[in-house]
C-alpha cells in the first residue's frame, strides 16, 4: 500500500509539473515580445553581420516579431547596450558575436525573464542558449574546390584569431584540400581582428610575399580585404559568409550562412517561452550552412567530387573529422573509424592537421 501511495504521489507530482510548465509557457507567450540584436560591425558589411541581419529579418517577418538593432557594439559596452534594449521592451536578446559572450552571461544572470541567444557560444543556462551551424562542413567542401583547382599545391588562408572556431575551419578546409590533392599545403596568416579591413589586406600581402606560389586563397573574416588583394595578384579565391557578386571574377565559390533556417525555429521557441538552456548545433542537412554555386571556372571533376562529398554529409553517412587524422607533427589524433567529438571540435581544438603551415 505504501508503494502504491508513493507511485500515485509521483504521478500526481509529474502531472502537476507538466501543468505548471504549460501554464508558465502560456503566460510567458502572452507577454509582448520584442527582439534586440547585437552586432559587432555594420549590418551592411556584405559578410557575417549582413548574413545574420538577412536571416533574422526573414524569421522576424514570419513571426511578426518587432526588432531593435545595435551595430558596432564592443565587448566593453555590450552589457550597457543590452540593459538599454531591455529597458526599451526587448525580452529576446540575440548576440551575433562570440566577443559579447561574457557580457551576455553577465546580464542574463540579472534578467531571468529575458531569453538570450548567443552565436558560437559555449555556455548554456536556463535563459541562455548558444547556437551555431557546422560551418566546418562547408569549409571542407571549399577545401576540395581549392585543392582540386590549384596547380601549385599552395593555398592561402587568411584568418582572424586562433580560437577553436577558426582552427576548426582551417583544419576542415585543409582536410578537404588534401582529400582532393594529397600534396596540397594550406598556408595560414592571422590578422588578429574580425573586421579590420586594412589589417586583412596587410596580412594577405605578407602571406603572398612569403609564399608567392599561392594560386588560390580562402578566408575566415568579416571583411573582403583579402579578395581585393587576390584580384590585384590575379589569384582565385574562396569567399566567406555570403557570396559577394562584386568579386565574381575571382570567386570559385563561398562558404555561406542561411541563418533564417535557424532563427525561424528558435525565435519561435523564445516567443512561446520554450527556449531551453541548451546548445543548438545544426549541420548542412538543415541548410543553415552551404557552399555557394561553383564558378564556371571549376571543371566537371570538381563539381562531381564536391557534390558526392556533400551528399554523404547531408545524408549523415560521413562527417569531416573522421580518422585517420594526423596533426602537423605526425601524431595520430583520430584513428580510422573514430570521429573527433563536438567537445573537442567546439571547445578544445588547438592544433592543426597535417598539411597546415603558419609561415
Protein backbone atom coordinates (compact mmCIF):
# COMPACT_ATOMS: atom_id res chain seq x y z
CA UNK A 1 0.00 0.00 0.00
CA UNK A 2 2.86 2.37 0.85
CA UNK A 3 4.45 1.65 -2.53
CA UNK A 4 1.14 2.32 -4.29
CA UNK A 5 0.70 5.62 -2.45
CA UNK A 6 4.27 6.59 -3.36
CA UNK A 7 3.72 5.79 -7.04
CA UNK A 8 0.45 7.76 -7.09
CA UNK A 9 2.25 10.66 -5.41
CA UNK A 10 4.98 10.67 -8.05
CA UNK A 11 2.41 10.55 -10.85
CA UNK A 12 0.46 13.45 -9.37
CA UNK A 13 3.70 15.40 -8.91
CA UNK A 14 4.68 14.87 -12.54
CA UNK A 15 1.22 15.86 -13.78
CA UNK A 16 1.41 18.98 -11.65
CA UNK A 17 4.83 19.87 -13.05
CA UNK A 18 3.59 19.43 -16.62
CA UNK A 19 0.55 21.62 -15.98
CA UNK A 20 2.73 24.21 -14.26
CA UNK A 21 5.16 24.23 -17.19
CA UNK A 22 2.31 24.58 -19.67
CA UNK A 23 0.81 27.40 -17.67
CA UNK A 24 4.17 29.17 -17.37
CA UNK A 25 4.78 28.85 -21.11
CA UNK A 26 1.33 30.20 -21.90
CA UNK A 27 1.82 33.17 -19.55
CA UNK A 28 5.28 33.75 -21.00
CA UNK A 29 3.94 33.63 -24.55
CA UNK A 30 1.17 36.10 -23.73
CA UNK A 31 3.68 38.83 -22.97
CA UNK A 32 4.50 41.19 -25.85
CA UNK A 33 7.75 40.00 -27.43
CA UNK A 34 10.49 42.14 -28.93
CA UNK A 35 13.94 41.19 -30.16
CA UNK A 36 17.16 43.09 -29.52
CA UNK A 37 20.05 42.32 -31.88
CA UNK A 38 23.72 42.96 -31.04
CA UNK A 39 26.15 43.26 -33.95
CA UNK A 40 29.93 43.58 -33.83
CA UNK A 41 30.04 45.56 -37.09
CA UNK A 42 27.81 47.05 -39.75
CA UNK A 43 24.68 45.18 -40.79
CA UNK A 44 25.58 46.07 -44.37
CA UNK A 45 29.10 44.58 -44.35
CA UNK A 46 28.36 42.00 -47.11
CA UNK A 47 29.65 39.39 -44.67
CA UNK A 48 28.90 37.92 -41.22
CA UNK A 49 26.67 40.70 -39.92
CA UNK A 50 24.70 41.10 -43.13
CA UNK A 51 24.08 37.35 -43.26
CA UNK A 52 22.66 37.49 -39.72
CA UNK A 53 20.57 40.56 -40.48
CA UNK A 54 19.01 38.87 -43.51
CA UNK A 55 18.22 35.70 -41.58
CA UNK A 56 16.81 37.48 -38.53
CA UNK A 57 14.70 39.83 -40.64
CA UNK A 58 13.20 36.93 -42.61
CA UNK A 59 12.38 34.98 -39.46
CA UNK A 60 11.01 38.02 -37.60
CA UNK A 61 8.73 38.91 -40.51
CA UNK A 62 7.19 35.42 -40.46
CA UNK A 63 6.77 35.58 -36.69
CA UNK A 64 5.63 39.24 -36.60
CA UNK A 65 8.39 39.97 -34.09
CA UNK A 66 9.46 43.63 -33.76
CA UNK A 67 13.23 44.14 -33.70
CA UNK A 68 15.75 46.64 -32.40
CA UNK A 69 19.28 46.58 -33.85
CA UNK A 70 22.51 47.92 -32.39
CA UNK A 71 25.52 47.91 -34.73
CA UNK A 72 29.24 48.26 -33.94
CA UNK A 73 28.83 47.04 -30.38
CA UNK A 74 32.06 46.42 -28.46
CA UNK A 75 32.67 43.85 -25.70
CA UNK A 76 33.10 46.75 -23.29
CA UNK A 77 29.74 48.44 -23.93
CA UNK A 78 27.84 45.22 -24.58
CA UNK A 79 26.21 44.97 -21.09
CA UNK A 80 25.06 48.60 -21.21
CA UNK A 81 23.59 48.12 -24.70
CA UNK A 82 21.66 45.03 -23.55
CA UNK A 83 20.33 46.84 -20.47
CA UNK A 84 19.11 49.69 -22.69
CA UNK A 85 17.41 47.21 -25.02
CA UNK A 86 15.67 45.53 -22.10
CA UNK A 87 14.53 48.92 -20.82
CA UNK A 88 13.12 49.52 -24.33
CA UNK A 89 11.00 46.37 -24.05
CA UNK A 90 13.30 43.79 -25.64
CA UNK A 91 12.83 40.41 -23.97
CA UNK A 92 14.64 38.29 -26.58
CA UNK A 93 18.29 39.25 -26.97
CA UNK A 94 20.33 37.88 -29.89
CA UNK A 95 24.09 38.26 -29.63
CA UNK A 96 25.66 37.60 -33.02
CA UNK A 97 29.32 37.65 -31.93
CA UNK A 98 31.33 35.43 -29.60
CA UNK A 99 33.10 38.57 -28.38
CA UNK A 100 29.91 39.50 -26.50
CA UNK A 101 29.58 36.20 -24.62
CA UNK A 102 30.97 37.41 -21.28
CA UNK A 103 28.74 40.46 -21.29
CA UNK A 104 25.70 38.39 -22.26
CA UNK A 105 26.33 35.90 -19.45
CA UNK A 106 26.64 38.78 -17.00
CA UNK A 107 23.32 40.38 -17.95
CA UNK A 108 21.48 37.04 -18.38
CA UNK A 109 22.09 36.32 -14.69
CA UNK A 110 20.25 39.51 -13.80
CA UNK A 111 17.22 39.08 -16.09
CA UNK A 112 15.77 35.59 -15.80
CA UNK A 113 12.61 36.62 -17.65
CA UNK A 114 14.60 37.53 -20.78
CA UNK A 115 15.67 34.91 -23.36
CA UNK A 116 19.22 35.16 -24.69
CA UNK A 117 20.64 33.58 -27.85
CA UNK A 118 24.44 33.61 -28.23
CA UNK A 119 26.05 32.87 -31.59
CA UNK A 120 29.01 30.45 -31.45
CA UNK A 121 28.81 30.44 -27.65
CA UNK A 122 29.88 27.70 -25.26
CA UNK A 123 27.83 28.31 -22.12
CA UNK A 124 24.17 27.27 -21.71
CA UNK A 125 21.92 28.43 -18.88
CA UNK A 126 18.15 28.24 -18.30
CA UNK A 127 17.59 31.53 -20.20
CA UNK A 128 20.75 31.44 -22.37
CA UNK A 129 21.10 29.21 -25.43
CA UNK A 130 24.27 29.22 -27.53
CA UNK A 131 23.77 28.36 -31.20
CA UNK A 132 25.96 27.54 -34.17
CA UNK A 133 25.96 25.80 -37.53
CA UNK A 134 28.56 23.25 -38.58
CA UNK A 135 30.27 25.64 -40.96
CA UNK A 136 33.31 23.39 -40.97
CA UNK A 137 31.33 21.08 -43.27
CA UNK A 138 31.10 23.80 -45.92
CA UNK A 139 34.76 24.72 -45.39
CA UNK A 140 35.72 21.10 -46.04
CA UNK A 141 33.91 21.25 -49.39
CA UNK A 142 35.56 24.59 -50.15
CA UNK A 143 38.91 22.96 -49.43
CA UNK A 144 38.12 20.32 -52.05
CA UNK A 145 37.46 23.08 -54.59
CA UNK A 146 40.73 24.84 -53.75
CA UNK A 147 42.78 21.66 -53.69
CA UNK A 148 41.43 20.44 -56.99
CA UNK A 149 41.73 23.84 -58.69
CA UNK A 150 45.23 24.77 -57.50
CA UNK A 151 48.09 23.97 -59.86
CA UNK A 152 50.88 24.88 -57.43
CA UNK A 153 49.60 22.81 -54.44
CA UNK A 154 49.93 26.03 -52.40
CA UNK A 155 46.75 27.52 -50.95
CA UNK A 156 46.48 30.61 -48.76
CA UNK A 157 44.11 31.10 -45.83
CA UNK A 158 43.61 34.45 -44.07
CA UNK A 159 42.07 34.02 -40.62
CA UNK A 160 41.11 36.26 -37.73
CA UNK A 161 42.17 34.81 -34.34
CA UNK A 162 43.30 31.34 -33.23
CA UNK A 163 40.22 30.14 -31.33
CA UNK A 164 38.62 26.67 -31.73
CA UNK A 165 36.00 28.01 -34.16
CA UNK A 166 38.66 29.34 -36.52
CA UNK A 167 41.10 26.44 -36.12
CA UNK A 168 38.22 24.04 -36.76
CA UNK A 169 37.55 25.78 -40.07
CA UNK A 170 41.21 25.78 -41.07
CA UNK A 171 41.57 22.07 -40.28
CA UNK A 172 38.39 21.16 -42.15
CA UNK A 173 39.49 23.20 -45.16
CA UNK A 174 42.89 21.52 -45.15
CA UNK A 175 41.33 18.06 -44.88
CA UNK A 176 39.21 18.88 -47.94
CA UNK A 177 42.16 20.28 -49.89
CA UNK A 178 44.29 17.20 -49.18
CA UNK A 179 41.39 14.89 -49.99
CA UNK A 180 41.42 16.44 -53.45
CA UNK A 181 45.20 16.80 -53.65
CA UNK A 182 47.38 14.85 -51.16
CA UNK A 183 50.25 17.27 -51.90
CA UNK A 184 48.24 20.39 -51.04
CA UNK A 185 49.59 22.70 -48.34
CA UNK A 186 47.43 25.35 -46.65
CA UNK A 187 49.41 28.42 -45.55
CA UNK A 188 47.68 30.38 -42.78
CA UNK A 189 48.12 34.00 -41.79
CA UNK A 190 46.24 35.54 -38.83
CA UNK A 191 45.12 39.17 -38.77
CA UNK A 192 44.16 39.48 -35.08
CA UNK A 193 40.86 41.15 -35.99
CA UNK A 194 37.47 40.12 -37.35
CA UNK A 195 36.74 43.24 -39.36
CA UNK A 196 39.87 45.37 -39.72
CA UNK A 197 39.95 45.68 -43.50
CA UNK A 198 43.38 47.28 -43.68
CA UNK A 199 44.96 44.65 -41.43
CA UNK A 200 43.39 41.92 -43.58
CA UNK A 201 44.98 43.42 -46.70
CA UNK A 202 48.37 43.69 -45.00
CA UNK A 203 48.21 40.06 -43.82
CA UNK A 204 47.27 38.90 -47.32
CA UNK A 205 50.14 40.81 -48.91
CA UNK A 206 52.55 39.41 -46.33
CA UNK A 207 51.42 35.85 -46.96
CA UNK A 208 51.72 36.20 -50.73
CA UNK A 209 55.22 37.64 -50.38
CA UNK A 210 56.23 34.75 -48.12
CA UNK A 211 54.65 32.08 -50.33
CA UNK A 212 54.49 33.55 -53.86
CA UNK A 213 53.38 30.25 -55.42
CA UNK A 214 49.93 30.51 -53.78
CA UNK A 215 47.31 30.48 -56.56
CA UNK A 216 44.09 30.11 -54.52
CA UNK A 217 43.25 31.92 -51.30
CA UNK A 218 40.48 31.41 -48.74
CA UNK A 219 39.47 33.38 -45.68
CA UNK A 220 37.63 33.43 -42.35
CA UNK A 221 36.98 37.12 -41.68
CA UNK A 222 34.17 39.67 -41.73
CA UNK A 223 35.95 41.81 -44.33
CA UNK A 224 36.67 41.41 -48.01
CA UNK A 225 40.15 42.90 -47.92
CA UNK A 226 41.81 39.59 -48.93
CA UNK A 227 39.65 39.43 -52.05
CA UNK A 228 40.85 42.85 -53.18
CA UNK A 229 44.47 41.73 -52.82
CA UNK A 230 43.73 38.40 -54.54
CA UNK A 231 42.24 40.24 -57.50
CA UNK A 232 45.26 42.54 -57.72
CA UNK A 233 47.54 39.48 -57.85
CA UNK A 234 45.37 37.55 -60.30
CA UNK A 235 44.58 34.85 -57.74
CA UNK A 236 41.36 32.86 -57.43
CA UNK A 237 39.55 32.95 -54.09
CA UNK A 238 37.00 31.31 -51.79
CA UNK A 239 34.52 33.74 -50.22
CA UNK A 240 33.21 33.75 -46.65
CA UNK A 241 29.77 34.21 -45.02
CA UNK A 242 27.99 35.39 -48.20
CA UNK A 243 28.80 35.28 -51.89
CA UNK A 244 29.53 38.84 -52.90
CA UNK A 245 28.72 39.38 -56.61
CA UNK A 246 31.26 42.19 -56.73
CA UNK A 247 34.00 39.56 -56.79
CA UNK A 248 32.50 37.03 -59.19
CA UNK A 249 35.55 37.36 -61.45
CA UNK A 250 37.80 35.72 -58.84
CA UNK A 251 35.42 33.71 -56.61
CA UNK A 252 35.41 29.96 -57.19
CA UNK A 253 32.70 29.62 -54.53
CA UNK A 254 31.97 30.79 -50.97
CA UNK A 255 31.05 29.25 -47.64
CA UNK A 256 27.67 30.81 -46.84
CA UNK A 257 25.18 31.10 -44.00
CA UNK A 258 21.39 30.78 -44.32
CA UNK A 259 20.54 31.98 -40.83
CA UNK A 260 16.78 32.19 -41.39
CA UNK A 261 16.66 28.38 -41.15
CA UNK A 262 17.83 28.53 -37.55
CA UNK A 263 16.20 31.77 -36.47
CA UNK A 264 12.75 30.76 -37.71
CA UNK A 265 12.78 27.81 -35.35
CA UNK A 266 14.49 29.18 -32.25
CA UNK A 267 12.90 32.62 -32.25
CA UNK A 268 9.54 30.86 -32.33
CA UNK A 269 10.58 28.83 -29.29
CA UNK A 270 11.68 32.01 -27.50
CA UNK A 271 8.39 33.74 -28.32
CA UNK A 272 6.46 30.77 -26.95
CA UNK A 273 8.59 30.58 -23.81
CA UNK A 274 10.02 27.19 -24.79
CA UNK A 275 13.66 28.17 -25.32
CA UNK A 276 15.63 25.65 -23.27
CA UNK A 277 19.03 26.27 -21.78
CA UNK A 278 20.99 24.05 -24.14
CA UNK A 279 23.28 24.41 -27.12
CA UNK A 280 21.70 24.45 -30.55
CA UNK A 281 24.13 22.95 -33.07
CA UNK A 282 22.92 22.07 -36.56
CA UNK A 283 24.60 20.99 -39.75
CA UNK A 284 24.44 21.17 -43.51
CA UNK A 285 21.43 18.86 -43.61
CA UNK A 286 19.29 21.77 -42.32
CA UNK A 287 20.54 24.20 -44.95
CA UNK A 288 21.95 26.64 -42.39
CA UNK A 289 25.43 26.28 -43.89
CA UNK A 290 26.16 25.66 -47.55
CA UNK A 291 28.58 26.11 -50.37
CA UNK A 292 27.66 28.76 -52.93
CA UNK A 293 27.26 27.58 -56.54
CA UNK A 294 30.63 26.85 -58.10
CA UNK A 295 32.12 29.17 -60.69
CA UNK A 296 32.09 28.09 -64.30
CA UNK A 297 35.88 28.02 -63.98
CA UNK A 298 35.52 24.84 -61.92
CA UNK A 299 35.61 21.82 -64.19
CA UNK A 300 33.18 18.87 -64.11
CA UNK A 301 35.53 16.77 -61.99
CA UNK A 302 35.47 19.39 -59.21
CA UNK A 303 31.69 19.66 -59.42
CA UNK A 304 31.22 15.89 -59.19
CA UNK A 305 33.64 15.49 -56.29
CA UNK A 306 32.06 18.31 -54.26
CA UNK A 307 28.53 17.05 -54.89
CA UNK A 308 29.42 13.48 -53.91
CA UNK A 309 31.01 14.62 -50.64
CA UNK A 310 28.15 17.00 -49.87
CA UNK A 311 25.55 14.26 -50.45
CA UNK A 312 27.31 11.99 -47.94
CA UNK A 313 27.46 14.75 -45.33
CA UNK A 314 23.80 15.73 -45.78
CA UNK A 315 22.70 12.09 -45.54
CA UNK A 316 24.74 11.63 -42.37
CA UNK A 317 26.90 8.96 -43.98
CA UNK A 318 30.10 10.82 -43.08
CA UNK A 319 31.38 13.92 -41.36
CA UNK A 320 34.58 15.87 -41.83
CA UNK A 321 36.62 14.80 -38.81
CA UNK A 322 36.61 11.02 -39.24
CA UNK A 323 40.00 9.34 -38.82
CA UNK A 324 42.65 8.67 -39.59
CA UNK A 325 43.65 12.25 -38.85
CA UNK A 326 47.21 13.31 -38.15
CA UNK A 327 48.43 16.64 -36.81
CA UNK A 328 51.33 18.77 -38.04
CA UNK A 329 53.83 16.72 -36.04
CA UNK A 330 52.55 13.43 -37.48
CA UNK A 331 50.75 12.39 -34.29
CA UNK A 332 47.59 10.33 -34.78
CA UNK A 333 44.70 12.41 -33.40
CA UNK A 334 41.80 10.28 -34.62
CA UNK A 335 42.17 6.62 -35.54
CA UNK A 336 40.42 5.07 -38.52
CA UNK A 337 36.70 4.87 -37.80
CA UNK A 338 36.98 7.39 -34.96
CA UNK A 339 35.33 10.82 -35.08
CA UNK A 340 36.52 13.84 -33.11
CA UNK A 341 33.85 14.74 -30.56
CA UNK A 342 31.95 18.02 -30.54
CA UNK A 343 33.58 18.75 -27.18
CA UNK A 344 36.99 18.69 -28.84
CA UNK A 345 35.89 20.47 -32.01
CA UNK A 346 33.99 23.30 -30.35
CA UNK A 347 35.80 23.79 -27.03
CA UNK A 348 39.28 22.29 -27.10
CA UNK A 349 40.69 22.27 -30.62
CA UNK A 350 44.08 23.99 -30.53
CA UNK A 351 46.10 22.03 -33.08
CA UNK A 352 46.37 21.88 -36.85
CA UNK A 353 46.03 18.90 -39.13
CA UNK A 354 48.75 17.64 -41.42
CA UNK A 355 49.29 19.99 -44.34
CA UNK A 356 48.71 23.27 -42.46
CA UNK A 357 51.62 25.70 -42.14
CA UNK A 358 51.95 29.09 -40.47
CA UNK A 359 54.83 30.81 -42.30
